[in-house]
Amino acid sequence: VTFTNGASTGPARSANTIAMPADVDDGAGNRRVAISGSMPLDSHPIVYAYAVPSARRFAEVALTQALTESGVSVAHSASGALVDVKTFSALYVAGNIIATHTSPPLAQDVKVTLKVSDNLHAAMMPYLWGALLAHDTTDPQAAGFRLEHGFLTQAGFDASRFVQNDGEGANAFFAPAQIVRFLAYVRGRPYYPYIYRGLPVMGVDGTLFNIQNHAAGAGKIHAKTGTNGTSDMLNSRFFLTGKGLVGYMTSRSGRHIAFCLYVNNFSAPANQDLTRTAGQILGEMANDGYLDL
């Protein structure tokens, strides 16, 4: 990955521009990604998510590099070669272990999911719940959602008031009042501090790093973004079916507030960054709540 800093000085962080002009397969299963843009010298680090085209290939290359650096010779297979897992499973015995990797605890994974809105991590969760908690390897996603249904019911919610089809939130429907009730419930749970620390902070980091940077509520509103949309081929533009901002704040008057804001079903001229515009609208609404509630 190549990063070119296009400016030695610059305006406020809200003017940062980052682009990925090239993402090329070199024919051997490797990706070559060029990143260019500009950032002020006094800017905080900004984390962007990159969707790996092949998770299997990514893991294979990363493990091969680690082994090679440790002096282990690795025989390379064709990048598109299919792997018969059952054939190799017999080799997974204690005597063949050369290294182990312990995944970060869920508390850290939640932060990754929330700060940069990592949809891959979110999408995996129902599968992991179903496989590891329900021990269902036939349809772990369905088993994971049964666990989630049970969780909501046990917490006192009517699960039929929520609609969800995957871990990412596509084709999901939630009423703002229900979400605020859920946030209030989470506020009283022992895991709340991990959720709160994982949320993007408006005008500071995560998916809110460039939203309402100079507003009074910047640095004081902790909230998760969510975006869903589709292309409008008829008009050569993007159509935003829904964008949300959900989280917590302590208002200027000292009130502790859980809030849920949505904007649904609107578009903008083709040359306008509709997602950014909607994000600023939601950020301004949240800031009004900070000032007035």
C-alpha atoms as a PDB file:
ATOM      1  CA  VAL A   1       0.000   0.000   0.000  1.00  0.00           C
ATOM      2  CA  THR A   2       1.377   3.380  -0.992  1.00  0.00           C
ATOM      3  CA  PHE A   3       0.236   6.583   0.720  1.00  0.00           C
ATOM      4  CA  THR A   4       1.107   9.937  -0.751  1.00  0.00           C
ATOM      5  CA  ASN A   5       0.766  12.948   1.506  1.00  0.00           C
ATOM      6  CA  GLY A   6      -0.336  15.599  -0.927  1.00  0.00           C
ATOM      7  CA  ALA A   7       0.033  18.570   1.406  1.00  0.00           C
ATOM      8  CA  SER A   8       2.499  19.595   4.081  1.00  0.00           C
ATOM      9  CA  THR A   9       0.041  22.009   5.635  1.00  0.00           C
ATOM     10  CA  GLY A  10      -3.695  22.280   5.389  1.00  0.00           C
ATOM     11  CA  PRO A  11      -6.980  23.454   6.837  1.00  0.00           C
ATOM     12  CA  ALA A  12      -9.052  21.806   9.550  1.00  0.00           C
ATOM     13  CA  ARG A  13      -9.440  18.040   9.668  1.00  0.00           C
ATOM     14  CA  SER A  14     -12.800  18.261   7.939  1.00  0.00           C
ATOM     15  CA  ALA A  15     -10.909  19.049   4.708  1.00  0.00           C
ATOM     16  CA  ASN A  16      -9.011  15.748   4.649  1.00  0.00           C
ATOM     17  CA  THR A  17      -9.292  13.984   1.308  1.00  0.00           C
ATOM     18  CA  ILE A  18      -8.321  10.377   0.781  1.00  0.00           C
ATOM     19  CA  ALA A  19      -8.858   8.417  -2.420  1.00  0.00           C
ATOM     20  CA  MET A  20      -8.048   4.917  -3.670  1.00  0.00           C
ATOM     21  CA  PRO A  21      -7.386   5.472  -7.389  1.00  0.00           C
ATOM     22  CA  ALA A  22      -6.024   1.990  -8.046  1.00  0.00           C
ATOM     23  CA  ASP A  23      -6.904  -1.458  -6.769  1.00  0.00           C
ATOM     24  CA  VAL A  24      -5.393  -3.978  -9.150  1.00  0.00           C
ATOM     25  CA  ASP A  25      -5.060  -7.771  -9.206  1.00  0.00           C
ATOM     26  CA  ASP A  26      -1.537  -8.588 -10.393  1.00  0.00           C
ATOM     27  CA  GLY A  27      -2.643 -11.932 -11.831  1.00  0.00           C
ATOM     28  CA  ALA A  28      -0.987 -13.954  -9.072  1.00  0.00           C
ATOM     29  CA  GLY A  29      -3.784 -13.399  -6.567  1.00  0.00           C
ATOM     30  CA  ASN A  30      -2.172 -10.348  -4.970  1.00  0.00           C
ATOM     31  CA  ARG A  31      -3.769  -6.910  -4.727  1.00  0.00           C
ATOM     32  CA  ARG A  32      -1.816  -3.724  -5.324  1.00  0.00           C
ATOM     33  CA  VAL A  33      -3.579  -0.744  -3.778  1.00  0.00           C
ATOM     34  CA  ALA A  34      -2.516   2.869  -4.242  1.00  0.00           C
ATOM     35  CA  ILE A  35      -3.841   5.438  -1.766  1.00  0.00           C
ATOM     36  CA  SER A  36      -3.404   9.148  -2.345  1.00  0.00           C
ATOM     37  CA  GLY A  37      -4.691  12.260  -0.672  1.00  0.00           C
ATOM     38  CA  SER A  38      -3.866  15.071   1.698  1.00  0.00           C
ATOM     39  CA  MET A  39      -3.876  15.472   5.481  1.00  0.00           C
ATOM     40  CA  PRO A  40      -2.825  18.410   7.650  1.00  0.00           C
ATOM     41  CA  LEU A  41       0.329  17.800   9.660  1.00  0.00           C
ATOM     42  CA  ASP A  42      -1.577  18.254  12.937  1.00  0.00           C
ATOM     43  CA  SER A  43      -4.332  15.795  11.975  1.00  0.00           C
ATOM     44  CA  HIS A  44      -5.113  12.807  14.143  1.00  0.00           C
ATOM     45  CA  PRO A  45      -4.743   9.339  12.555  1.00  0.00           C
ATOM     46  CA  ILE A  46      -7.800   8.286  10.567  1.00  0.00           C
ATOM     47  CA  VAL A  47      -8.754   4.636  10.154  1.00  0.00           C
ATOM     48  CA  TYR A  48     -10.387   3.550   6.908  1.00  0.00           C
ATOM     49  CA  ALA A  49     -11.794   0.100   6.241  1.00  0.00           C
ATOM     50  CA  TYR A  50     -10.653  -1.760   3.109  1.00  0.00           C
ATOM     51  CA  ALA A  51     -12.802  -4.620   1.836  1.00  0.00           C
ATOM     52  CA  VAL A  52     -10.466  -7.532   1.135  1.00  0.00           C
ATOM     53  CA  PRO A  53     -11.683  -9.192  -2.103  1.00  0.00           C
ATOM     54  CA  SER A  54     -10.816 -12.690  -0.836  1.00  0.00           C
ATOM     55  CA  ALA A  55     -10.580 -13.316   2.897  1.00  0.00           C
ATOM     56  CA  ARG A  56      -9.076 -16.770   2.255  1.00  0.00           C
ATOM     57  CA  ARG A  57      -6.342 -15.379   0.023  1.00  0.00           C
ATOM     58  CA  PHE A  58      -5.616 -12.544   2.450  1.00  0.00           C
ATOM     59  CA  ALA A  59      -5.154 -15.000   5.344  1.00  0.00           C
ATOM     60  CA  GLU A  60      -3.021 -17.274   3.177  1.00  0.00           C
ATOM     61  CA  VAL A  61      -0.635 -14.488   2.138  1.00  0.00           C
ATOM     62  CA  ALA A  62      -0.411 -13.038   5.657  1.00  0.00           C
ATOM     63  CA  LEU A  63       0.374 -16.449   7.190  1.00  0.00           C
ATOM     64  CA  THR A  64       2.900 -17.222   4.451  1.00  0.00           C
ATOM     65  CA  GLN A  65       4.716 -13.945   5.107  1.00  0.00           C
ATOM     66  CA  ALA A  66       4.805 -14.589   8.863  1.00  0.00           C
ATOM     67  CA  LEU A  67       6.146 -18.115   8.374  1.00  0.00           C
ATOM     68  CA  THR A  68       8.754 -16.999   5.838  1.00  0.00           C
ATOM     69  CA  GLU A  69       9.985 -14.273   8.195  1.00  0.00           C
ATOM     70  CA  SER A  70      10.398 -16.975  10.848  1.00  0.00           C
ATOM     71  CA  GLY A  71      12.487 -19.137   8.545  1.00  0.00           C
ATOM     72  CA  VAL A  72       9.767 -21.599   7.543  1.00  0.00           C
ATOM     73  CA  SER A  73       9.709 -22.539   3.867  1.00  0.00           C
ATOM     74  CA  VAL A  74       6.234 -22.537   2.352  1.00  0.00           C
ATOM     75  CA  ALA A  75       5.220 -24.235  -0.889  1.00  0.00           C
ATOM     76  CA  HIS A  76       2.909 -21.862  -2.771  1.00  0.00           C
ATOM     77  CA  SER A  77      -0.304 -23.062  -4.351  1.00  0.00           C
ATOM     78  CA  ALA A  78      -2.183 -21.410  -7.188  1.00  0.00           C
ATOM     79  CA  SER A  79      -4.185 -18.459  -5.908  1.00  0.00           C
ATOM     80  CA  GLY A  80      -7.490 -19.937  -7.047  1.00  0.00           C
ATOM     81  CA  ALA A  81      -6.807 -23.511  -5.982  1.00  0.00           C
ATOM     82  CA  LEU A  82      -9.553 -25.170  -3.960  1.00  0.00           C
ATOM     83  CA  VAL A  83      -8.596 -26.561  -0.565  1.00  0.00           C
ATOM     84  CA  ASP A  84      -9.975 -29.835   0.745  1.00  0.00           C
ATOM     85  CA  VAL A  85     -10.266 -29.002   4.440  1.00  0.00           C
ATOM     86  CA  LYS A  86     -11.093 -32.585   5.430  1.00  0.00           C
ATOM     87  CA  THR A  87      -7.833 -33.829   3.917  1.00  0.00           C
ATOM     88  CA  PHE A  88      -5.741 -31.434   5.989  1.00  0.00           C
ATOM     89  CA  SER A  89      -7.760 -31.686   9.207  1.00  0.00           C
ATOM     90  CA  ALA A  90      -5.967 -34.900  10.144  1.00  0.00           C
ATOM     91  CA  LEU A  91      -2.740 -32.880  10.393  1.00  0.00           C
ATOM     92  CA  TYR A  92      -4.162 -30.519  13.024  1.00  0.00           C
ATOM     93  CA  VAL A  93      -2.622 -32.274  16.010  1.00  0.00           C
ATOM     94  CA  ALA A  94      -0.631 -30.905  18.930  1.00  0.00           C
ATOM     95  CA  GLY A  95       2.649 -32.275  17.599  1.00  0.00           C
ATOM     96  CA  ASN A  96       2.399 -30.153  14.453  1.00  0.00           C
ATOM     97  CA  ILE A  97       1.705 -26.815  16.141  1.00  0.00           C
ATOM     98  CA  ILE A  98       4.366 -24.227  15.327  1.00  0.00           C
ATOM     99  CA  ALA A  99       2.503 -21.118  16.511  1.00  0.00           C
ATOM    100  CA  THR A 100      -0.819 -20.043  17.943  1.00  0.00           C
ATOM    101  CA  HIS A 101      -2.835 -16.867  17.566  1.00  0.00           C
ATOM    102  CA  THR A 102      -5.324 -15.752  20.176  1.00  0.00           C
ATOM    103  CA  SER A 103      -8.032 -13.489  18.831  1.00  0.00           C
ATOM    104  CA  PRO A 104      -8.741 -10.231  20.696  1.00  0.00           C
ATOM    105  CA  PRO A 105     -11.571 -10.401  23.243  1.00  0.00           C
ATOM    106  CA  LEU A 106     -15.069  -9.455  22.148  1.00  0.00           C
ATOM    107  CA  ALA A 107     -14.750  -6.099  23.918  1.00  0.00           C
ATOM    108  CA  GLN A 108     -12.025  -5.100  21.453  1.00  0.00           C
ATOM    109  CA  ASP A 109     -13.812  -6.571  18.457  1.00  0.00           C
ATOM    110  CA  VAL A 110     -16.878  -4.501  19.323  1.00  0.00           C
ATOM    111  CA  LYS A 111     -14.725  -1.373  19.126  1.00  0.00           C
ATOM    112  CA  VAL A 112     -13.489  -2.325  15.654  1.00  0.00           C
ATOM    113  CA  THR A 113     -17.048  -2.978  14.533  1.00  0.00           C
ATOM    114  CA  LEU A 114     -18.433   0.286  15.878  1.00  0.00           C
ATOM    115  CA  LYS A 115     -15.642   2.821  15.273  1.00  0.00           C
ATOM    116  CA  VAL A 116     -15.217   2.190  11.547  1.00  0.00           C
ATOM    117  CA  SER A 117     -18.606   0.546  10.933  1.00  0.00           C
ATOM    118  CA  ASP A 118     -16.918  -2.701   9.911  1.00  0.00           C
ATOM    119  CA  ASN A 119     -19.776  -4.576   8.257  1.00  0.00           C
ATOM    120  CA  LEU A 120     -17.768  -7.776   7.872  1.00  0.00           C
ATOM    121  CA  HIS A 121     -17.361  -8.079  11.644  1.00  0.00           C
ATOM    122  CA  ALA A 122     -21.043  -7.288  12.162  1.00  0.00           C
ATOM    123  CA  ALA A 123     -22.112  -9.801   9.518  1.00  0.00           C
ATOM    124  CA  MET A 124     -20.071 -12.575  11.137  1.00  0.00           C
ATOM    125  CA  MET A 125     -21.704 -12.248  14.546  1.00  0.00           C
ATOM    126  CA  PRO A 126     -24.905 -14.295  13.976  1.00  0.00           C
ATOM    127  CA  TYR A 127     -22.793 -17.081  12.467  1.00  0.00           C
ATOM    128  CA  LEU A 128     -20.404 -17.068  15.432  1.00  0.00           C
ATOM    129  CA  TRP A 129     -23.247 -17.085  17.967  1.00  0.00           C
ATOM    130  CA  GLY A 130     -24.916 -19.975  16.174  1.00  0.00           C
ATOM    131  CA  ALA A 131     -21.753 -22.040  15.786  1.00  0.00           C
ATOM    132  CA  LEU A 132     -20.057 -21.344  19.131  1.00  0.00           C
ATOM    133  CA  LEU A 133     -22.999 -20.808  21.489  1.00  0.00           C
ATOM    134  CA  ALA A 134     -25.811 -22.811  19.911  1.00  0.00           C
ATOM    135  CA  HIS A 135     -23.399 -25.428  18.478  1.00  0.00           C
ATOM    136  CA  ASP A 136     -25.319 -25.445  15.203  1.00  0.00           C
ATOM    137  CA  THR A 137     -23.048 -26.059  12.220  1.00  0.00           C
ATOM    138  CA  THR A 138     -25.891 -26.773   9.789  1.00  0.00           C
ATOM    139  CA  ASP A 139     -27.385 -23.266   9.740  1.00  0.00           C
ATOM    140  CA  PRO A 140     -25.405 -21.177  12.244  1.00  0.00           C
ATOM    141  CA  GLN A 141     -26.861 -17.871  11.058  1.00  0.00           C
ATOM    142  CA  ALA A 142     -30.449 -18.965  11.761  1.00  0.00           C
ATOM    143  CA  ALA A 143     -29.341 -20.366  15.118  1.00  0.00           C
ATOM    144  CA  GLY A 144     -27.616 -17.066  15.917  1.00  0.00           C
ATOM    145  CA  PHE A 145     -30.764 -15.101  15.212  1.00  0.00           C
ATOM    146  CA  ARG A 146     -32.774 -17.443  17.416  1.00  0.00           C
ATOM    147  CA  LEU A 147     -30.371 -16.556  20.215  1.00  0.00           C
ATOM    148  CA  GLU A 148     -30.805 -12.855  19.470  1.00  0.00           C
ATOM    149  CA  HIS A 149     -34.591 -13.275  19.494  1.00  0.00           C
ATOM    150  CA  GLY A 150     -34.330 -14.945  22.886  1.00  0.00           C
ATOM    151  CA  PHE A 151     -32.057 -12.185  24.176  1.00  0.00           C
ATOM    152  CA  LEU A 152     -34.536  -9.464  23.182  1.00  0.00           C
ATOM    153  CA  THR A 153     -37.451 -11.379  24.685  1.00  0.00           C
ATOM    154  CA  GLN A 154     -35.628 -11.988  27.953  1.00  0.00           C
ATOM    155  CA  ALA A 155     -34.730  -8.281  28.106  1.00  0.00           C
ATOM    156  CA  GLY A 156     -38.416  -7.404  27.960  1.00  0.00           C
ATOM    157  CA  PHE A 157     -38.754  -6.425  24.309  1.00  0.00           C
ATOM    158  CA  ASP A 158     -41.312  -7.581  21.771  1.00  0.00           C
ATOM    159  CA  ALA A 159     -38.941  -9.045  19.172  1.00  0.00           C
ATOM    160  CA  SER A 160     -41.644  -8.827  16.492  1.00  0.00           C
ATOM    161  CA  ARG A 161     -41.234  -5.024  16.629  1.00  0.00           C
ATOM    162  CA  PHE A 162     -37.746  -5.445  15.125  1.00  0.00           C
ATOM    163  CA  VAL A 163     -36.902  -6.661  11.603  1.00  0.00           C
ATOM    164  CA  GLN A 164     -33.404  -7.892  10.808  1.00  0.00           C
ATOM    165  CA  ASN A 165     -32.068 -10.253   8.135  1.00  0.00           C
ATOM    166  CA  ASP A 166     -28.307 -10.236   8.579  1.00  0.00           C
ATOM    167  CA  GLY A 167     -25.633  -8.898  10.876  1.00  0.00           C
ATOM    168  CA  GLU A 168     -24.986  -5.819   8.713  1.00  0.00           C
ATOM    169  CA  GLY A 169     -28.487  -4.369   8.856  1.00  0.00           C
ATOM    170  CA  ALA A 170     -29.552  -4.594   5.209  1.00  0.00           C
ATOM    171  CA  ASN A 171     -33.342  -4.759   4.901  1.00  0.00           C
ATOM    172  CA  ALA A 172     -33.636  -4.025   8.613  1.00  0.00           C
ATOM    173  CA  PHE A 173     -36.390  -1.922  10.122  1.00  0.00           C
ATOM    174  CA  PHE A 174     -36.336  -0.413  13.609  1.00  0.00           C
ATOM    175  CA  ALA A 175     -38.615   2.244  15.090  1.00  0.00           C
ATOM    176  CA  PRO A 176     -36.673   5.061  16.800  1.00  0.00           C
ATOM    177  CA  ALA A 177     -38.643   4.653  20.045  1.00  0.00           C
ATOM    178  CA  GLN A 178     -37.706   0.965  20.219  1.00  0.00           C
ATOM    179  CA  ILE A 179     -34.029   1.738  19.605  1.00  0.00           C
ATOM    180  CA  VAL A 180     -33.989   4.389  22.355  1.00  0.00           C
ATOM    181  CA  ARG A 181     -35.559   1.834  24.732  1.00  0.00           C
ATOM    182  CA  PHE A 182     -32.867  -0.638  23.743  1.00  0.00           C
ATOM    183  CA  LEU A 183     -30.092   1.927  24.293  1.00  0.00           C
ATOM    184  CA  ALA A 184     -31.502   2.681  27.745  1.00  0.00           C
ATOM    185  CA  TYR A 185     -31.469  -1.042  28.503  1.00  0.00           C
ATOM    186  CA  VAL A 186     -27.843  -1.369  27.372  1.00  0.00           C
ATOM    187  CA  ARG A 187     -26.922   1.634  29.541  1.00  0.00           C
ATOM    188  CA  GLY A 188     -27.724  -0.452  32.613  1.00  0.00           C
ATOM    189  CA  ARG A 189     -25.771  -3.540  31.591  1.00  0.00           C
ATOM    190  CA  PRO A 190     -22.231  -4.354  32.798  1.00  0.00           C
ATOM    191  CA  TYR A 191     -20.884  -4.345  29.239  1.00  0.00           C
ATOM    192  CA  TYR A 192     -22.067  -0.772  28.556  1.00  0.00           C
ATOM    193  CA  PRO A 193     -18.594   0.818  29.056  1.00  0.00           C
ATOM    194  CA  TYR A 194     -17.199  -1.298  26.199  1.00  0.00           C
ATOM    195  CA  ILE A 195     -20.040  -0.236  23.912  1.00  0.00           C
ATOM    196  CA  TYR A 196     -19.660   3.432  24.867  1.00  0.00           C
ATOM    197  CA  ARG A 197     -15.888   3.475  24.331  1.00  0.00           C
ATOM    198  CA  GLY A 198     -16.334   1.761  20.980  1.00  0.00           C
ATOM    199  CA  LEU A 199     -18.740   4.320  19.542  1.00  0.00           C
ATOM    200  CA  PRO A 200     -17.440   6.974  17.118  1.00  0.00           C
ATOM    201  CA  VAL A 201     -17.142  10.437  18.670  1.00  0.00           C
ATOM    202  CA  MET A 202     -18.646  13.237  16.605  1.00  0.00           C
ATOM    203  CA  GLY A 203     -16.038  15.464  15.017  1.00  0.00           C
ATOM    204  CA  VAL A 204     -13.199  13.365  16.460  1.00  0.00           C
ATOM    205  CA  ASP A 205     -12.854   9.788  15.214  1.00  0.00           C
ATOM    206  CA  GLY A 206     -14.339   6.768  13.520  1.00  0.00           C
ATOM    207  CA  THR A 207     -17.101   7.312  10.972  1.00  0.00           C
ATOM    208  CA  LEU A 208     -17.850  10.689  12.575  1.00  0.00           C
ATOM    209  CA  PHE A 209     -14.338  12.140  12.283  1.00  0.00           C
ATOM    210  CA  ASN A 210     -15.424  14.730   9.705  1.00  0.00           C
ATOM    211  CA  ILE A 211     -18.972  15.387  10.905  1.00  0.00           C
ATOM    212  CA  GLN A 212     -19.753  18.727  12.609  1.00  0.00           C
ATOM    213  CA  ASN A 213     -16.119  19.231  13.590  1.00  0.00           C
ATOM    214  CA  HIS A 214     -16.622  22.739  14.927  1.00  0.00           C
ATOM    215  CA  ALA A 215     -20.052  22.291  16.517  1.00  0.00           C
ATOM    216  CA  ALA A 216     -20.568  22.681  20.252  1.00  0.00           C
ATOM    217  CA  GLY A 217     -21.333  18.966  20.550  1.00  0.00           C
ATOM    218  CA  ALA A 218     -18.137  17.840  18.818  1.00  0.00           C
ATOM    219  CA  GLY A 219     -16.259  15.495  21.134  1.00  0.00           C
ATOM    220  CA  LYS A 220     -19.322  15.053  23.337  1.00  0.00           C
ATOM    221  CA  ILE A 221     -21.668  12.923  21.208  1.00  0.00           C
ATOM    222  CA  HIS A 222     -20.917   9.191  20.973  1.00  0.00           C
ATOM    223  CA  ALA A 223     -22.926   7.525  18.235  1.00  0.00           C
ATOM    224  CA  LYS A 224     -22.989   4.778  15.610  1.00  0.00           C
ATOM    225  CA  THR A 225     -23.667   5.577  11.974  1.00  0.00           C
ATOM    226  CA  GLY A 226     -25.553   3.364   9.569  1.00  0.00           C
ATOM    227  CA  THR A 227     -26.080   3.785   5.834  1.00  0.00           C
ATOM    228  CA  ASN A 228     -28.153   1.899   3.285  1.00  0.00           C
ATOM    229  CA  GLY A 229     -28.787   2.873  -0.300  1.00  0.00           C
ATOM    230  CA  THR A 230     -28.865   1.874  -3.925  1.00  0.00           C
ATOM    231  CA  SER A 231     -28.038   3.277  -7.327  1.00  0.00           C
ATOM    232  CA  ASP A 232     -30.653   5.178  -9.291  1.00  0.00           C
ATOM    233  CA  MET A 233     -29.666   4.220 -12.835  1.00  0.00           C
ATOM    234  CA  LEU A 234     -32.542   6.205 -14.320  1.00  0.00           C
ATOM    235  CA  ASN A 235     -31.078   9.469 -13.056  1.00  0.00           C
ATOM    236  CA  SER A 236     -27.380   8.485 -12.768  1.00  0.00           C
ATOM    237  CA  ARG A 237     -27.276   9.116  -9.054  1.00  0.00           C
ATOM    238  CA  PHE A 238     -27.251   7.434  -5.647  1.00  0.00           C
ATOM    239  CA  PHE A 239     -30.510   6.985  -3.754  1.00  0.00           C
ATOM    240  CA  LEU A 240     -30.253   6.851   0.023  1.00  0.00           C
ATOM    241  CA  THR A 241     -32.886   4.522   1.439  1.00  0.00           C
ATOM    242  CA  GLY A 242     -31.815   5.146   5.005  1.00  0.00           C
ATOM    243  CA  LYS A 243     -29.112   6.691   7.169  1.00  0.00           C
ATOM    244  CA  GLY A 244     -29.093   6.698  10.930  1.00  0.00           C
ATOM    245  CA  LEU A 245     -27.232   8.063  13.917  1.00  0.00           C
ATOM    246  CA  VAL A 246     -27.797   6.276  17.206  1.00  0.00           C
ATOM    247  CA  GLY A 247     -26.060   6.743  20.522  1.00  0.00           C
ATOM    248  CA  TYR A 248     -25.575   8.714  23.716  1.00  0.00           C
ATOM    249  CA  MET A 249     -24.752  12.220  24.854  1.00  0.00           C
ATOM    250  CA  THR A 250     -24.727  14.330  27.972  1.00  0.00           C
ATOM    251  CA  SER A 251     -26.395  17.555  26.874  1.00  0.00           C
ATOM    252  CA  ARG A 252     -25.108  21.028  27.688  1.00  0.00           C
ATOM    253  CA  SER A 253     -27.661  21.211  30.501  1.00  0.00           C
ATOM    254  CA  GLY A 254     -26.305  17.976  32.004  1.00  0.00           C
ATOM    255  CA  ARG A 255     -29.042  15.543  30.905  1.00  0.00           C
ATOM    256  CA  HIS A 256     -27.970  12.011  29.969  1.00  0.00           C
ATOM    257  CA  ILE A 257     -29.689  11.219  26.681  1.00  0.00           C
ATOM    258  CA  ALA A 258     -30.054   8.182  24.452  1.00  0.00           C
ATOM    259  CA  PHE A 259     -31.127   9.176  20.947  1.00  0.00           C
ATOM    260  CA  CYS A 260     -31.987   7.719  17.560  1.00  0.00           C
ATOM    261  CA  LEU A 261     -32.141   9.789  14.368  1.00  0.00           C
ATOM    262  CA  TYR A 262     -33.033   8.570  10.863  1.00  0.00           C
ATOM    263  CA  VAL A 263     -33.336  10.151   7.435  1.00  0.00           C
ATOM    264  CA  ASN A 264     -35.005   7.990   4.809  1.00  0.00           C
ATOM    265  CA  ASN A 265     -35.558   7.844   1.063  1.00  0.00           C
ATOM    266  CA  PHE A 266     -33.985  10.881  -0.542  1.00  0.00           C
ATOM    267  CA  SER A 267     -31.474  11.728  -3.230  1.00  0.00           C
ATOM    268  CA  ALA A 268     -29.241  14.552  -4.383  1.00  0.00           C
ATOM    269  CA  PRO A 269     -27.595  15.722  -7.609  1.00  0.00           C
ATOM    270  CA  ALA A 270     -25.141  13.214  -9.081  1.00  0.00           C
ATOM    271  CA  ASN A 271     -22.142  15.418  -8.254  1.00  0.00           C
ATOM    272  CA  GLN A 272     -23.008  15.624  -4.543  1.00  0.00           C
ATOM    273  CA  ASP A 273     -21.677  13.252  -1.879  1.00  0.00           C
ATOM    274  CA  LEU A 274     -25.092  12.251  -0.586  1.00  0.00           C
ATOM    275  CA  THR A 275     -23.792  10.058   2.233  1.00  0.00           C
ATOM    276  CA  ARG A 276     -21.624  12.886   3.578  1.00  0.00           C
ATOM    277  CA  THR A 277     -24.495  15.374   3.238  1.00  0.00           C
ATOM    278  CA  ALA A 278     -26.861  13.089   5.145  1.00  0.00           C
ATOM    279  CA  GLY A 279     -24.179  12.564   7.785  1.00  0.00           C
ATOM    280  CA  GLN A 280     -23.848  16.317   8.299  1.00  0.00           C
ATOM    281  CA  ILE A 281     -27.640  16.687   8.568  1.00  0.00           C
ATOM    282  CA  LEU A 282     -27.817  14.000  11.248  1.00  0.00           C
ATOM    283  CA  GLY A 283     -24.823  15.483  13.031  1.00  0.00           C
ATOM    284  CA  GLU A 284     -26.464  18.900  13.077  1.00  0.00           C
ATOM    285  CA  MET A 285     -29.667  17.390  14.474  1.00  0.00           C
ATOM    286  CA  ALA A 286     -27.680  15.637  17.219  1.00  0.00           C
ATOM    287  CA  ASN A 287     -25.854  18.880  17.992  1.00  0.00           C
ATOM    288  CA  ASP A 288     -29.205  20.699  18.306  1.00  0.00           C
ATOM    289  CA  GLY A 289     -30.199  18.083  20.874  1.00  0.00           C
ATOM    290  CA  TYR A 290     -26.952  18.665  22.748  1.00  0.00           C
ATOM    291  CA  LEU A 291     -27.632  22.410  22.876  1.00  0.00           C
ATOM    292  CA  ASP A 292     -31.353  22.435  23.588  1.00  0.00           C
ATOM    293  CA  LEU A 293     -32.233  19.365  25.682  1.00  0.00           C
END
